[in-house]
């Protein structure tokens, strides 16, 4: 049984993040940023009583997330971003 739920996220120094970013292609870094933003946007629009405009915004954010995840999965399947546990 993996104990991944027991892992505590540890912040990494900016210099280490820069080294990691230098090894990853620019379009993958952009897709990671886009996926994170889209997942945050999807989390904003949750609940059963969304208006028509909110539903359209949520669908647009889901489409953006899927587009970014397609790029991330092509690079490495473990990089994909999920909108949240309630999805």
Protein backbone atom coordinates (compact mmCIF):
# COMPACT_ATOMS: atom_id res chain seq x y z
CA UNK A 1 0.00 0.00 0.00
CA UNK A 2 1.55 3.31 -1.02
CA UNK A 3 1.85 5.93 1.67
CA UNK A 4 1.60 8.90 -0.68
CA UNK A 5 -1.17 10.41 1.44
CA UNK A 6 1.34 10.65 4.31
CA UNK A 7 3.79 12.78 2.37
CA UNK A 8 4.07 16.39 3.42
CA UNK A 9 4.75 18.89 0.62
CA UNK A 10 8.09 20.56 1.17
CA UNK A 11 8.86 23.88 -0.50
CA UNK A 12 11.89 23.84 -2.75
CA UNK A 13 14.30 26.75 -3.20
CA UNK A 14 13.88 28.96 -6.27
CA UNK A 15 17.27 27.91 -7.61
CA UNK A 16 16.24 24.25 -7.57
CA UNK A 17 12.94 25.08 -9.26
CA UNK A 18 14.87 27.01 -11.93
CA UNK A 19 17.11 23.99 -12.55
CA UNK A 20 14.08 21.72 -12.88
CA UNK A 21 12.39 24.22 -15.19
CA UNK A 22 15.49 24.41 -17.38
CA UNK A 23 15.20 20.66 -18.07
CA UNK A 24 11.56 20.82 -19.15
CA UNK A 25 10.50 22.16 -22.57
CA UNK A 26 8.89 25.60 -22.54
CA UNK A 27 5.56 24.39 -23.97
CA UNK A 28 5.27 21.85 -21.13
CA UNK A 29 5.95 24.54 -18.51
CA UNK A 30 3.30 26.74 -20.12
CA UNK A 31 0.85 23.81 -20.14
CA UNK A 32 1.54 23.19 -16.45
CA UNK A 33 0.82 26.83 -15.66
CA UNK A 34 -2.34 26.79 -17.79
CA UNK A 35 -3.56 23.56 -16.17
CA UNK A 36 -3.04 24.93 -12.67
CA UNK A 37 -4.93 28.13 -13.52
CA UNK A 38 -7.77 26.20 -15.18
CA UNK A 39 -8.08 23.81 -12.22
CA UNK A 40 -8.34 26.78 -9.86
CA UNK A 41 -11.00 28.29 -12.11
CA UNK A 42 -13.00 25.03 -12.16
CA UNK A 43 -12.91 24.87 -8.35
CA UNK A 44 -14.44 28.35 -8.21
CA UNK A 45 -17.55 27.20 -10.07
CA UNK A 46 -18.89 24.37 -7.99
CA UNK A 47 -22.30 23.81 -6.54
CA UNK A 48 -25.68 22.75 -7.81
CA UNK A 49 -27.10 26.22 -8.39
CA UNK A 50 -24.84 27.72 -11.05
CA UNK A 51 -26.23 30.30 -13.41
CA UNK A 52 -26.02 29.92 -17.16
CA UNK A 53 -22.96 32.18 -17.44
CA UNK A 54 -21.21 30.36 -14.58
CA UNK A 55 -21.88 27.01 -16.24
CA UNK A 56 -20.39 28.31 -19.47
CA UNK A 57 -17.33 29.61 -17.61
CA UNK A 58 -16.92 26.24 -15.87
CA UNK A 59 -17.14 24.38 -19.19
CA UNK A 60 -14.55 26.72 -20.68
CA UNK A 61 -12.22 26.12 -17.73
CA UNK A 62 -12.70 22.35 -18.09
CA UNK A 63 -11.85 22.60 -21.79
CA UNK A 64 -8.71 24.62 -20.98
CA UNK A 65 -7.74 22.05 -18.36
CA UNK A 66 -8.23 19.17 -20.80
CA UNK A 67 -6.16 20.95 -23.46
CA UNK A 68 -3.30 21.58 -21.03
CA UNK A 69 -3.49 18.04 -19.65
CA UNK A 70 -3.18 16.64 -23.16
CA UNK A 71 0.19 18.38 -23.54
CA UNK A 72 1.30 17.34 -20.05
CA UNK A 73 0.29 13.70 -20.55
CA UNK A 74 2.18 13.56 -23.83
CA UNK A 75 5.33 14.64 -21.96
CA UNK A 76 4.76 12.50 -18.85
CA UNK A 77 1.43 10.97 -17.68
CA UNK A 78 2.18 11.81 -14.06
CA UNK A 79 2.09 15.55 -14.71
CA UNK A 80 -1.64 15.82 -15.36
CA UNK A 81 -3.65 18.11 -13.09
CA UNK A 82 -7.04 17.29 -11.60
CA UNK A 83 -9.53 20.00 -10.69
CA UNK A 84 -10.11 18.63 -7.19
CA UNK A 85 -11.30 15.65 -5.17
CA UNK A 86 -14.98 16.55 -5.64
CA UNK A 87 -14.77 16.27 -9.44
